[in-house]
Amino acid sequence: MEGPTLAAEKWAYRLGFRRVAGVDEAGRGALAGPLVAAAVILPFRKHLDIPSGLADSKRLSPAQRRRLFPRIIEIAEAWSYACVPPWEIDAHGLQEANLAAMREAVRALNPRPDLVLVDYYRLRGLGHPQWCLVHGDSHSVSVAAASVLAKVIRDGLMLTWWTRYPDYGFDRHKGYGTPSHIRRIAENGPSPCHRASFRGVMQMGMDME
């Protein structure tokens, strides 16, 4: 599997940046569960120590992501994550929740980065220089590493929700709008971890009345 390139990081190092953080999120399109953002600084050496098999988390199997997770943690100079629960997504909107989670993840890094690579979005009020990359998780190893961390953390949180609400099958679809998940919402109604403002959930709630 062809992995992300080092192009963005190499340009950053040429310009004098040394602590380059990648940030990405997981769960943006789900009907249930939190939105999770992760940020990671891979160590700057003559060559970046890139875990074998690293790619955009969407192109990896759950088993591949779980194998990469401890390796990324092991080599990272710093890493962090932030979660926005479903009720805050309902209250403030998905886009604001997405940006807030990524800002919080970056601000939690210690040591702090001197450049942030962001997958597509510009983070207002971040307080750090940033480059917004289209398909950043496919073109930057730092963003790809962050995407793996965010996905594995979110999947683990969804397993916790599954133990509390086993009727929805969160262990399989992790809250995304699969046919079986939508059928379970129709049969059982939304659970407390569903995003009530999302169309698929809201429509089911109206149908239940």
N, C-alpha and C. Protein backbone atom coordinates (compact mmCIF):
# COMPACT_ATOMS: atom_id res chain seq x y z
N MET A 1 0.85 -1.20 0.00
CA MET A 1 0.00 0.00 0.00
C MET A 1 0.88 1.25 0.00
N GLU A 2 0.66 2.13 -0.97
CA GLU A 2 1.43 3.36 -1.05
C GLU A 2 1.02 4.29 0.08
N GLY A 3 1.99 4.78 0.82
CA GLY A 3 1.72 5.62 1.97
C GLY A 3 1.83 7.10 1.66
N PRO A 4 1.58 7.94 2.65
CA PRO A 4 1.70 9.38 2.47
C PRO A 4 3.14 9.79 2.25
N THR A 5 3.34 10.94 1.64
CA THR A 5 4.69 11.41 1.34
C THR A 5 5.20 12.31 2.46
N LEU A 6 6.47 12.65 2.33
CA LEU A 6 7.13 13.57 3.27
C LEU A 6 7.23 14.98 2.70
N ALA A 7 6.51 15.25 1.61
CA ALA A 7 6.71 16.52 0.92
C ALA A 7 6.47 17.72 1.84
N ALA A 8 5.36 17.73 2.57
CA ALA A 8 5.04 18.88 3.42
C ALA A 8 6.07 19.03 4.53
N GLU A 9 6.44 17.92 5.16
CA GLU A 9 7.42 17.98 6.24
C GLU A 9 8.79 18.46 5.73
N LYS A 10 9.20 17.99 4.55
CA LYS A 10 10.50 18.40 4.02
C LYS A 10 10.54 19.90 3.74
N TRP A 11 9.44 20.43 3.20
CA TRP A 11 9.39 21.87 2.98
C TRP A 11 9.47 22.62 4.31
N ALA A 12 8.76 22.12 5.31
CA ALA A 12 8.78 22.77 6.61
C ALA A 12 10.19 22.79 7.20
N TYR A 13 10.91 21.67 7.10
CA TYR A 13 12.26 21.61 7.66
C TYR A 13 13.20 22.53 6.90
N ARG A 14 13.02 22.63 5.59
CA ARG A 14 13.86 23.55 4.80
C ARG A 14 13.64 25.00 5.23
N LEU A 15 12.43 25.32 5.64
CA LEU A 15 12.11 26.69 6.06
C LEU A 15 12.47 26.95 7.51
N GLY A 16 13.02 25.97 8.19
CA GLY A 16 13.50 26.19 9.55
C GLY A 16 12.58 25.70 10.65
N PHE A 17 11.42 25.15 10.30
CA PHE A 17 10.54 24.58 11.33
C PHE A 17 11.12 23.24 11.80
N ARG A 18 10.99 22.95 13.08
CA ARG A 18 11.53 21.71 13.61
C ARG A 18 10.47 20.84 14.27
N ARG A 19 9.55 21.43 15.00
CA ARG A 19 8.47 20.65 15.60
C ARG A 19 7.22 20.83 14.74
N VAL A 20 7.00 19.88 13.84
CA VAL A 20 5.90 19.94 12.88
C VAL A 20 4.82 18.97 13.35
N ALA A 21 3.66 19.50 13.64
CA ALA A 21 2.54 18.67 14.13
C ALA A 21 1.55 18.42 13.00
N GLY A 22 1.03 17.22 12.96
CA GLY A 22 -0.11 16.90 12.10
C GLY A 22 -1.34 16.75 12.96
N VAL A 23 -2.49 17.17 12.46
CA VAL A 23 -3.74 17.06 13.21
C VAL A 23 -4.84 16.57 12.27
N ASP A 24 -5.69 15.70 12.78
CA ASP A 24 -6.80 15.18 11.98
C ASP A 24 -7.89 14.72 12.93
N GLU A 25 -9.06 14.42 12.37
CA GLU A 25 -10.20 14.02 13.20
C GLU A 25 -10.81 12.72 12.70
N ALA A 26 -11.63 12.12 13.55
CA ALA A 26 -12.38 10.91 13.19
C ALA A 26 -13.79 11.04 13.74
N GLY A 27 -14.75 10.54 12.99
CA GLY A 27 -16.14 10.53 13.45
C GLY A 27 -16.98 11.67 12.96
N ARG A 28 -16.48 12.45 12.03
CA ARG A 28 -17.24 13.60 11.55
C ARG A 28 -18.59 13.17 10.95
N GLY A 29 -18.61 12.08 10.19
CA GLY A 29 -19.82 11.69 9.50
C GLY A 29 -20.67 10.67 10.22
N ALA A 30 -20.34 10.35 11.47
CA ALA A 30 -21.09 9.33 12.20
C ALA A 30 -22.43 9.88 12.69
N LEU A 31 -23.36 8.97 12.94
CA LEU A 31 -24.66 9.34 13.51
C LEU A 31 -24.65 9.27 15.03
N ALA A 32 -23.64 8.63 15.60
CA ALA A 32 -23.58 8.45 17.05
C ALA A 32 -22.13 8.54 17.52
N GLY A 33 -21.98 8.89 18.79
CA GLY A 33 -20.65 8.92 19.39
C GLY A 33 -19.96 10.25 19.23
N PRO A 34 -18.77 10.35 19.82
CA PRO A 34 -18.04 11.62 19.82
C PRO A 34 -17.32 11.87 18.51
N LEU A 35 -16.88 13.08 18.34
CA LEU A 35 -15.90 13.44 17.33
C LEU A 35 -14.56 13.51 18.06
N VAL A 36 -13.54 12.86 17.52
CA VAL A 36 -12.23 12.80 18.17
C VAL A 36 -11.19 13.39 17.23
N ALA A 37 -10.38 14.30 17.75
CA ALA A 37 -9.26 14.85 17.00
C ALA A 37 -7.97 14.44 17.70
N ALA A 38 -6.93 14.20 16.92
CA ALA A 38 -5.62 13.87 17.48
C ALA A 38 -4.56 14.72 16.80
N ALA A 39 -3.50 15.01 17.54
CA ALA A 39 -2.37 15.75 17.01
C ALA A 39 -1.10 15.01 17.41
N VAL A 40 -0.11 15.05 16.53
CA VAL A 40 1.13 14.32 16.81
C VAL A 40 2.31 15.06 16.19
N ILE A 41 3.42 15.09 16.91
CA ILE A 41 4.69 15.60 16.40
C ILE A 41 5.63 14.42 16.25
N LEU A 42 5.99 14.07 15.01
CA LEU A 42 6.98 13.03 14.78
C LEU A 42 8.37 13.65 14.92
N PRO A 43 9.33 12.92 15.46
CA PRO A 43 10.64 13.52 15.77
C PRO A 43 11.40 13.91 14.51
N PHE A 44 12.04 15.07 14.56
CA PHE A 44 12.86 15.53 13.45
C PHE A 44 14.28 14.98 13.62
N ARG A 45 14.67 14.19 12.65
CA ARG A 45 16.04 13.69 12.58
C ARG A 45 16.50 13.86 11.14
N LYS A 46 17.60 13.25 10.80
CA LYS A 46 18.03 13.31 9.41
C LYS A 46 16.94 12.75 8.50
N HIS A 47 16.30 11.68 8.99
CA HIS A 47 15.13 11.12 8.30
C HIS A 47 14.06 10.90 9.36
N LEU A 48 12.81 11.14 8.99
CA LEU A 48 11.73 10.85 9.92
C LEU A 48 11.60 9.35 10.11
N ASP A 49 11.39 8.96 11.34
CA ASP A 49 11.17 7.55 11.65
C ASP A 49 9.69 7.26 11.44
N ILE A 50 9.37 6.71 10.26
CA ILE A 50 7.97 6.51 9.87
C ILE A 50 7.58 5.06 10.10
N PRO A 51 6.52 4.80 10.84
CA PRO A 51 6.10 3.41 11.04
C PRO A 51 5.77 2.72 9.72
N SER A 52 6.23 1.52 9.56
CA SER A 52 5.95 0.76 8.35
C SER A 52 4.45 0.54 8.18
N GLY A 53 3.95 0.78 6.99
CA GLY A 53 2.53 0.57 6.70
C GLY A 53 1.66 1.77 6.99
N LEU A 54 2.24 2.90 7.41
CA LEU A 54 1.43 4.07 7.74
C LEU A 54 0.72 4.59 6.49
N ALA A 55 -0.57 4.86 6.62
CA ALA A 55 -1.37 5.42 5.53
C ALA A 55 -2.55 6.15 6.16
N ASP A 56 -3.30 6.84 5.31
CA ASP A 56 -4.55 7.43 5.76
C ASP A 56 -5.38 6.35 6.45
N SER A 57 -5.90 6.67 7.64
CA SER A 57 -6.58 5.65 8.45
C SER A 57 -7.74 5.00 7.71
N LYS A 58 -8.38 5.73 6.79
CA LYS A 58 -9.53 5.17 6.06
C LYS A 58 -9.10 4.05 5.12
N ARG A 59 -7.82 3.99 4.78
CA ARG A 59 -7.32 2.95 3.87
C ARG A 59 -6.77 1.74 4.62
N LEU A 60 -6.82 1.79 5.94
CA LEU A 60 -6.27 0.71 6.75
C LEU A 60 -7.39 -0.09 7.41
N SER A 61 -7.13 -1.34 7.65
CA SER A 61 -8.09 -2.17 8.39
C SER A 61 -7.99 -1.83 9.88
N PRO A 62 -9.02 -2.18 10.66
CA PRO A 62 -8.92 -1.97 12.11
C PRO A 62 -7.69 -2.62 12.72
N ALA A 63 -7.35 -3.81 12.28
CA ALA A 63 -6.17 -4.50 12.82
C ALA A 63 -4.89 -3.75 12.47
N GLN A 64 -4.79 -3.22 11.26
CA GLN A 64 -3.61 -2.46 10.87
C GLN A 64 -3.49 -1.18 11.70
N ARG A 65 -4.62 -0.51 11.92
CA ARG A 65 -4.57 0.71 12.74
C ARG A 65 -4.15 0.40 14.17
N ARG A 66 -4.66 -0.69 14.72
CA ARG A 66 -4.29 -1.05 16.10
C ARG A 66 -2.80 -1.39 16.20
N ARG A 67 -2.23 -2.00 15.17
CA ARG A 67 -0.80 -2.30 15.19
C ARG A 67 0.04 -1.03 15.09
N LEU A 68 -0.43 -0.06 14.31
CA LEU A 68 0.32 1.18 14.14
C LEU A 68 0.24 2.08 15.38
N PHE A 69 -0.87 2.01 16.10
CA PHE A 69 -1.10 2.94 17.21
C PHE A 69 0.07 2.96 18.22
N PRO A 70 0.48 1.82 18.80
CA PRO A 70 1.56 1.88 19.78
C PRO A 70 2.89 2.30 19.18
N ARG A 71 3.11 1.98 17.90
CA ARG A 71 4.36 2.40 17.25
C ARG A 71 4.41 3.92 17.11
N ILE A 72 3.29 4.53 16.72
CA ILE A 72 3.25 5.99 16.61
C ILE A 72 3.49 6.63 17.97
N ILE A 73 2.84 6.09 19.00
CA ILE A 73 3.01 6.62 20.36
C ILE A 73 4.46 6.49 20.80
N GLU A 74 5.08 5.38 20.45
CA GLU A 74 6.45 5.11 20.87
C GLU A 74 7.44 6.12 20.29
N ILE A 75 7.29 6.45 19.01
CA ILE A 75 8.28 7.31 18.37
C ILE A 75 7.93 8.79 18.46
N ALA A 76 6.69 9.13 18.77
CA ALA A 76 6.26 10.53 18.73
C ALA A 76 7.01 11.37 19.75
N GLU A 77 7.37 12.58 19.36
CA GLU A 77 7.93 13.54 20.31
C GLU A 77 6.83 14.04 21.24
N ALA A 78 5.62 14.17 20.71
CA ALA A 78 4.46 14.56 21.51
C ALA A 78 3.21 14.11 20.78
N TRP A 79 2.15 13.82 21.55
CA TRP A 79 0.86 13.50 20.93
C TRP A 79 -0.24 13.85 21.93
N SER A 80 -1.42 14.06 21.41
CA SER A 80 -2.56 14.41 22.26
C SER A 80 -3.84 14.16 21.48
N TYR A 81 -4.96 14.20 22.20
CA TYR A 81 -6.25 14.07 21.52
C TYR A 81 -7.30 14.86 22.29
N ALA A 82 -8.41 15.11 21.63
CA ALA A 82 -9.54 15.82 22.24
C ALA A 82 -10.83 15.22 21.70
N CYS A 83 -11.85 15.18 22.55
CA CYS A 83 -13.14 14.61 22.18
C CYS A 83 -14.25 15.64 22.35
N VAL A 84 -15.19 15.62 21.44
CA VAL A 84 -16.40 16.43 21.58
C VAL A 84 -17.58 15.46 21.62
N PRO A 85 -18.33 15.41 22.72
CA PRO A 85 -19.43 14.45 22.84
C PRO A 85 -20.60 14.82 21.94
N PRO A 86 -21.49 13.88 21.69
CA PRO A 86 -22.59 14.14 20.74
C PRO A 86 -23.50 15.28 21.15
N TRP A 87 -23.73 15.47 22.46
CA TRP A 87 -24.63 16.56 22.87
C TRP A 87 -24.01 17.94 22.61
N GLU A 88 -22.67 18.03 22.63
CA GLU A 88 -22.05 19.30 22.27
C GLU A 88 -22.06 19.52 20.76
N ILE A 89 -21.96 18.45 20.00
CA ILE A 89 -22.12 18.56 18.54
C ILE A 89 -23.51 19.07 18.21
N ASP A 90 -24.54 18.55 18.91
CA ASP A 90 -25.91 19.02 18.69
C ASP A 90 -26.06 20.49 19.06
N ALA A 91 -25.39 20.90 20.15
CA ALA A 91 -25.56 22.26 20.65
C ALA A 91 -24.84 23.30 19.79
N HIS A 92 -23.66 22.96 19.27
CA HIS A 92 -22.83 23.96 18.61
C HIS A 92 -22.64 23.72 17.12
N GLY A 93 -23.08 22.58 16.62
CA GLY A 93 -22.93 22.28 15.20
C GLY A 93 -21.67 21.48 14.92
N LEU A 94 -21.72 20.68 13.87
CA LEU A 94 -20.64 19.76 13.55
C LEU A 94 -19.35 20.50 13.20
N GLN A 95 -19.44 21.54 12.39
CA GLN A 95 -18.23 22.21 11.95
C GLN A 95 -17.51 22.87 13.12
N GLU A 96 -18.23 23.53 13.99
CA GLU A 96 -17.59 24.15 15.15
C GLU A 96 -17.00 23.10 16.07
N ALA A 97 -17.69 21.98 16.25
CA ALA A 97 -17.16 20.90 17.07
C ALA A 97 -15.87 20.34 16.46
N ASN A 98 -15.86 20.20 15.15
CA ASN A 98 -14.69 19.69 14.45
C ASN A 98 -13.48 20.60 14.67
N LEU A 99 -13.66 21.89 14.46
CA LEU A 99 -12.56 22.83 14.61
C LEU A 99 -12.12 22.95 16.06
N ALA A 100 -13.08 22.93 16.98
CA ALA A 100 -12.75 23.04 18.40
C ALA A 100 -11.92 21.84 18.86
N ALA A 101 -12.28 20.65 18.41
CA ALA A 101 -11.54 19.45 18.81
C ALA A 101 -10.10 19.50 18.28
N MET A 102 -9.93 19.92 17.05
CA MET A 102 -8.58 19.99 16.49
C MET A 102 -7.75 21.07 17.19
N ARG A 103 -8.36 22.22 17.47
CA ARG A 103 -7.62 23.26 18.22
C ARG A 103 -7.19 22.75 19.59
N GLU A 104 -8.10 22.07 20.29
CA GLU A 104 -7.79 21.58 21.63
C GLU A 104 -6.68 20.54 21.59
N ALA A 105 -6.72 19.66 20.60
CA ALA A 105 -5.68 18.63 20.49
C ALA A 105 -4.32 19.27 20.26
N VAL A 106 -4.24 20.27 19.39
CA VAL A 106 -2.97 20.94 19.12
C VAL A 106 -2.47 21.67 20.36
N ARG A 107 -3.36 22.38 21.04
CA ARG A 107 -2.95 23.16 22.21
C ARG A 107 -2.48 22.28 23.37
N ALA A 108 -2.87 21.00 23.36
CA ALA A 108 -2.46 20.10 24.43
C ALA A 108 -1.08 19.49 24.19
N LEU A 109 -0.49 19.71 23.04
CA LEU A 109 0.82 19.15 22.75
C LEU A 109 1.90 19.76 23.65
N ASN A 110 2.79 18.93 24.13
CA ASN A 110 3.91 19.38 24.95
C ASN A 110 5.12 18.51 24.64
N PRO A 111 6.15 19.07 23.98
CA PRO A 111 6.36 20.47 23.66
C PRO A 111 5.43 20.96 22.57
N ARG A 112 5.31 22.27 22.47
CA ARG A 112 4.39 22.88 21.53
C ARG A 112 5.01 22.90 20.13
N PRO A 113 4.18 22.78 19.11
CA PRO A 113 4.70 22.79 17.74
C PRO A 113 5.03 24.20 17.27
N ASP A 114 5.91 24.29 16.27
CA ASP A 114 6.13 25.59 15.63
C ASP A 114 5.51 25.66 14.24
N LEU A 115 4.88 24.56 13.80
CA LEU A 115 4.08 24.55 12.58
C LEU A 115 3.06 23.43 12.71
N VAL A 116 1.84 23.69 12.23
CA VAL A 116 0.78 22.68 12.28
C VAL A 116 0.31 22.38 10.86
N LEU A 117 0.27 21.12 10.52
CA LEU A 117 -0.28 20.66 9.23
C LEU A 117 -1.69 20.17 9.48
N VAL A 118 -2.65 20.81 8.82
CA VAL A 118 -4.06 20.53 9.07
C VAL A 118 -4.67 19.91 7.82
N ASP A 119 -5.46 18.88 8.02
CA ASP A 119 -6.15 18.24 6.89
C ASP A 119 -7.33 19.11 6.46
N TYR A 120 -7.11 19.93 5.46
CA TYR A 120 -8.12 20.73 4.77
C TYR A 120 -8.53 22.01 5.49
N TYR A 121 -8.89 21.96 6.78
CA TYR A 121 -9.49 23.11 7.45
C TYR A 121 -8.44 24.08 7.98
N ARG A 122 -8.82 25.36 8.03
CA ARG A 122 -8.00 26.35 8.71
C ARG A 122 -8.56 26.54 10.12
N LEU A 123 -7.68 26.46 11.12
CA LEU A 123 -8.10 26.54 12.51
C LEU A 123 -7.94 27.98 13.00
N ARG A 124 -9.05 28.70 13.08
CA ARG A 124 -9.02 30.09 13.53
C ARG A 124 -8.60 30.16 15.00
N GLY A 125 -7.78 31.15 15.32
CA GLY A 125 -7.38 31.37 16.69
C GLY A 125 -6.44 30.33 17.25
N LEU A 126 -5.72 29.61 16.38
CA LEU A 126 -4.87 28.53 16.85
C LEU A 126 -3.64 29.05 17.58
N GLY A 127 -3.08 30.15 17.10
CA GLY A 127 -1.89 30.69 17.74
C GLY A 127 -0.59 30.09 17.25
N HIS A 128 -0.64 29.28 16.21
CA HIS A 128 0.56 28.67 15.60
C HIS A 128 0.47 28.85 14.09
N PRO A 129 1.61 28.97 13.41
CA PRO A 129 1.57 28.90 11.95
C PRO A 129 0.96 27.57 11.51
N GLN A 130 0.21 27.61 10.43
CA GLN A 130 -0.42 26.37 9.96
C GLN A 130 -0.47 26.33 8.45
N TRP A 131 -0.38 25.14 7.92
CA TRP A 131 -0.58 24.89 6.50
C TRP A 131 -1.79 23.99 6.36
N CYS A 132 -2.73 24.40 5.52
CA CYS A 132 -3.93 23.61 5.28
C CYS A 132 -3.72 22.77 4.02
N LEU A 133 -3.74 21.48 4.15
CA LEU A 133 -3.44 20.57 3.06
C LEU A 133 -4.70 19.87 2.58
N VAL A 134 -4.94 19.90 1.28
CA VAL A 134 -6.05 19.14 0.71
C VAL A 134 -5.66 17.66 0.72
N HIS A 135 -6.53 16.82 1.28
CA HIS A 135 -6.21 15.40 1.46
C HIS A 135 -4.90 15.24 2.22
N GLY A 136 -4.78 15.99 3.30
CA GLY A 136 -3.55 15.97 4.08
C GLY A 136 -3.19 14.60 4.62
N ASP A 137 -4.22 13.78 4.94
CA ASP A 137 -3.93 12.46 5.49
C ASP A 137 -3.36 11.51 4.43
N SER A 138 -3.43 11.90 3.15
CA SER A 138 -2.81 11.10 2.09
C SER A 138 -1.45 11.65 1.67
N HIS A 139 -1.13 12.90 2.06
CA HIS A 139 0.07 13.57 1.57
C HIS A 139 1.06 13.94 2.67
N SER A 140 0.71 13.75 3.91
CA SER A 140 1.61 14.10 5.01
C SER A 140 1.65 12.95 6.01
N VAL A 141 2.86 12.50 6.34
CA VAL A 141 2.96 11.41 7.32
C VAL A 141 2.48 11.86 8.69
N SER A 142 2.67 13.14 9.02
CA SER A 142 2.24 13.63 10.33
C SER A 142 0.72 13.62 10.45
N VAL A 143 0.04 14.07 9.39
CA VAL A 143 -1.43 14.06 9.40
C VAL A 143 -1.94 12.62 9.37
N ALA A 144 -1.30 11.76 8.59
CA ALA A 144 -1.72 10.36 8.55
C ALA A 144 -1.58 9.70 9.91
N ALA A 145 -0.48 10.00 10.62
CA ALA A 145 -0.30 9.44 11.96
C ALA A 145 -1.39 9.94 12.90
N ALA A 146 -1.72 11.23 12.80
CA ALA A 146 -2.80 11.78 13.64
C ALA A 146 -4.13 11.12 13.31
N SER A 147 -4.36 10.84 12.04
CA SER A 147 -5.63 10.21 11.65
C SER A 147 -5.77 8.81 12.24
N VAL A 148 -4.65 8.08 12.32
CA VAL A 148 -4.68 6.74 12.92
C VAL A 148 -4.97 6.84 14.41
N LEU A 149 -4.29 7.76 15.10
CA LEU A 149 -4.54 7.92 16.53
C LEU A 149 -6.00 8.26 16.79
N ALA A 150 -6.54 9.22 16.04
CA ALA A 150 -7.92 9.65 16.25
C ALA A 150 -8.90 8.50 16.02
N LYS A 151 -8.66 7.73 14.96
CA LYS A 151 -9.58 6.64 14.62
C LYS A 151 -9.54 5.54 15.67
N VAL A 152 -8.36 5.15 16.12
CA VAL A 152 -8.25 4.07 17.11
C VAL A 152 -8.87 4.50 18.44
N ILE A 153 -8.62 5.74 18.85
CA ILE A 153 -9.20 6.23 20.10
C ILE A 153 -10.72 6.26 20.01
N ARG A 154 -11.23 6.76 18.89
CA ARG A 154 -12.69 6.83 18.74
C ARG A 154 -13.31 5.43 18.71
N ASP A 155 -12.68 4.50 18.00
CA ASP A 155 -13.21 3.14 17.96
C ASP A 155 -13.29 2.55 19.37
N GLY A 156 -12.28 2.82 20.18
CA GLY A 156 -12.30 2.33 21.56
C GLY A 156 -13.44 2.94 22.36
N LEU A 157 -13.69 4.22 22.16
CA LEU A 157 -14.80 4.87 22.87
C LEU A 157 -16.15 4.29 22.42
N MET A 158 -16.26 3.95 21.14
CA MET A 158 -17.51 3.38 20.66
C MET A 158 -17.75 1.99 21.23
N LEU A 159 -16.69 1.25 21.54
CA LEU A 159 -16.87 -0.04 22.20
C LEU A 159 -17.41 0.15 23.61
N THR A 160 -17.03 1.25 24.26
CA THR A 160 -17.59 1.56 25.58
C THR A 160 -19.08 1.84 25.47
N TRP A 161 -19.46 2.61 24.44
CA TRP A 161 -20.89 2.87 24.24
C TRP A 161 -21.64 1.58 23.91
N TRP A 162 -20.99 0.67 23.20
CA TRP A 162 -21.62 -0.61 22.85
C TRP A 162 -21.95 -1.42 24.10
N THR A 163 -21.04 -1.40 25.09
CA THR A 163 -21.33 -2.15 26.33
C THR A 163 -22.54 -1.58 27.06
N ARG A 164 -22.80 -0.28 26.90
CA ARG A 164 -23.94 0.35 27.57
C ARG A 164 -25.22 0.20 26.75
N TYR A 165 -25.09 0.21 25.42
CA TYR A 165 -26.26 0.12 24.54
C TYR A 165 -26.00 -0.94 23.47
N PRO A 166 -25.99 -2.21 23.85
CA PRO A 166 -25.62 -3.27 22.91
C PRO A 166 -26.59 -3.46 21.75
N ASP A 167 -27.81 -2.96 21.86
CA ASP A 167 -28.81 -3.19 20.83
C ASP A 167 -28.49 -2.47 19.51
N TYR A 168 -27.56 -1.52 19.53
CA TYR A 168 -27.30 -0.73 18.32
C TYR A 168 -26.13 -1.24 17.49
N GLY A 169 -25.35 -2.18 18.00
CA GLY A 169 -24.25 -2.75 17.22
C GLY A 169 -23.08 -1.82 17.01
N PHE A 170 -22.80 -0.94 17.98
CA PHE A 170 -21.69 0.00 17.83
C PHE A 170 -20.34 -0.70 17.67
N ASP A 171 -20.23 -1.95 18.13
CA ASP A 171 -18.97 -2.67 17.99
C ASP A 171 -18.65 -2.96 16.53
N ARG A 172 -19.65 -2.97 15.67
CA ARG A 172 -19.43 -3.26 14.26
C ARG A 172 -19.31 -2.00 13.40
N HIS A 173 -20.27 -1.10 13.51
CA HIS A 173 -20.27 0.06 12.60
C HIS A 173 -19.71 1.33 13.23
N LYS A 174 -19.42 1.31 14.53
CA LYS A 174 -18.80 2.43 15.25
C LYS A 174 -19.61 3.73 15.13
N GLY A 175 -20.91 3.60 14.95
CA GLY A 175 -21.77 4.77 14.95
C GLY A 175 -22.06 5.36 13.59
N TYR A 176 -21.48 4.81 12.54
CA TYR A 176 -21.72 5.34 11.19
C TYR A 176 -23.07 4.83 10.65
N GLY A 177 -23.54 5.48 9.62
CA GLY A 177 -24.90 5.24 9.15
C GLY A 177 -25.04 4.06 8.23
N THR A 178 -24.67 2.90 8.67
CA THR A 178 -24.84 1.68 7.88
C THR A 178 -26.32 1.29 7.87
N PRO A 179 -26.74 0.46 6.91
CA PRO A 179 -28.14 0.02 6.90
C PRO A 179 -28.56 -0.65 8.21
N SER A 180 -27.68 -1.48 8.78
CA SER A 180 -28.06 -2.16 10.03
C SER A 180 -28.20 -1.17 11.18
N HIS A 181 -27.35 -0.14 11.21
CA HIS A 181 -27.45 0.86 12.26
C HIS A 181 -28.75 1.65 12.13
N ILE A 182 -29.07 2.08 10.93
CA ILE A 182 -30.30 2.83 10.70
C ILE A 182 -31.51 1.98 11.07
N ARG A 183 -31.45 0.69 10.77
CA ARG A 183 -32.54 -0.20 11.14
C ARG A 183 -32.67 -0.30 12.66
N ARG A 184 -31.54 -0.36 13.36
CA ARG A 184 -31.59 -0.43 14.83
C ARG A 184 -32.17 0.85 15.44
N ILE A 185 -31.85 2.00 14.85
CA ILE A 185 -32.44 3.25 15.35
C ILE A 185 -33.95 3.23 15.15
N ALA A 186 -34.38 2.73 13.97
CA ALA A 186 -35.81 2.66 13.70
C ALA A 186 -36.52 1.72 14.67
N GLU A 187 -35.85 0.64 15.05
CA GLU A 187 -36.47 -0.34 15.94
C GLU A 187 -36.47 0.11 17.40
N ASN A 188 -35.39 0.77 17.83
CA ASN A 188 -35.20 1.08 19.25
C ASN A 188 -35.33 2.56 19.60
N GLY A 189 -35.36 3.43 18.57
CA GLY A 189 -35.28 4.86 18.84
C GLY A 189 -33.85 5.26 19.12
N PRO A 190 -33.53 6.55 19.09
CA PRO A 190 -32.16 7.01 19.34
C PRO A 190 -31.75 6.75 20.79
N SER A 191 -30.46 6.49 20.98
CA SER A 191 -29.90 6.34 22.32
C SER A 191 -29.30 7.68 22.76
N PRO A 192 -28.89 7.80 24.02
CA PRO A 192 -28.27 9.05 24.48
C PRO A 192 -26.99 9.43 23.76
N CYS A 193 -26.32 8.47 23.11
CA CYS A 193 -25.08 8.82 22.41
C CYS A 193 -25.31 9.14 20.95
N HIS A 194 -26.57 9.14 20.49
CA HIS A 194 -26.84 9.54 19.11
C HIS A 194 -26.87 11.05 19.00
N ARG A 195 -26.50 11.53 17.82
CA ARG A 195 -26.50 12.97 17.55
C ARG A 195 -27.90 13.36 17.09
N ALA A 196 -28.65 13.91 18.00
CA ALA A 196 -30.07 14.16 17.75
C ALA A 196 -30.30 15.14 16.61
N SER A 197 -29.33 16.02 16.34
CA SER A 197 -29.50 17.03 15.30
C SER A 197 -29.22 16.49 13.91
N PHE A 198 -28.67 15.29 13.80
CA PHE A 198 -28.34 14.75 12.48
C PHE A 198 -29.59 14.24 11.79
N ARG A 199 -29.63 14.41 10.50
CA ARG A 199 -30.85 14.13 9.74
C ARG A 199 -31.30 12.68 9.91
N GLY A 200 -30.38 11.72 9.81
CA GLY A 200 -30.77 10.32 9.92
C GLY A 200 -31.36 9.99 11.27
N VAL A 201 -30.83 10.58 12.33
CA VAL A 201 -31.33 10.33 13.68
C VAL A 201 -32.61 11.10 13.92
N MET A 202 -32.63 12.37 13.52
CA MET A 202 -33.81 13.21 13.74
C MET A 202 -35.02 12.66 13.01
N GLN A 203 -34.83 12.16 11.79
CA GLN A 203 -35.93 11.62 11.00
C GLN A 203 -36.49 10.37 11.69
N MET A 204 -35.59 9.54 12.22
CA MET A 204 -36.05 8.34 12.92
C MET A 204 -36.83 8.71 14.17
N GLY A 205 -36.35 9.76 14.88
CA GLY A 205 -37.06 10.20 16.07
C GLY A 205 -38.45 10.71 15.74
N MET A 206 -38.59 11.40 14.62
CA MET A 206 -39.90 11.90 14.21
C MET A 206 -40.81 10.74 13.82
N ASP A 207 -40.22 9.72 13.17
CA ASP A 207 -41.03 8.57 12.76
C ASP A 207 -41.55 7.78 13.93
N MET A 208 -40.83 7.86 15.08
CA MET A 208 -41.24 7.10 16.25
C MET A 208 -42.40 7.74 16.99
N GLU A 209 -42.66 9.01 16.72
CA GLU A 209 -43.72 9.73 17.46
C GLU A 209 -45.10 9.31 16.97
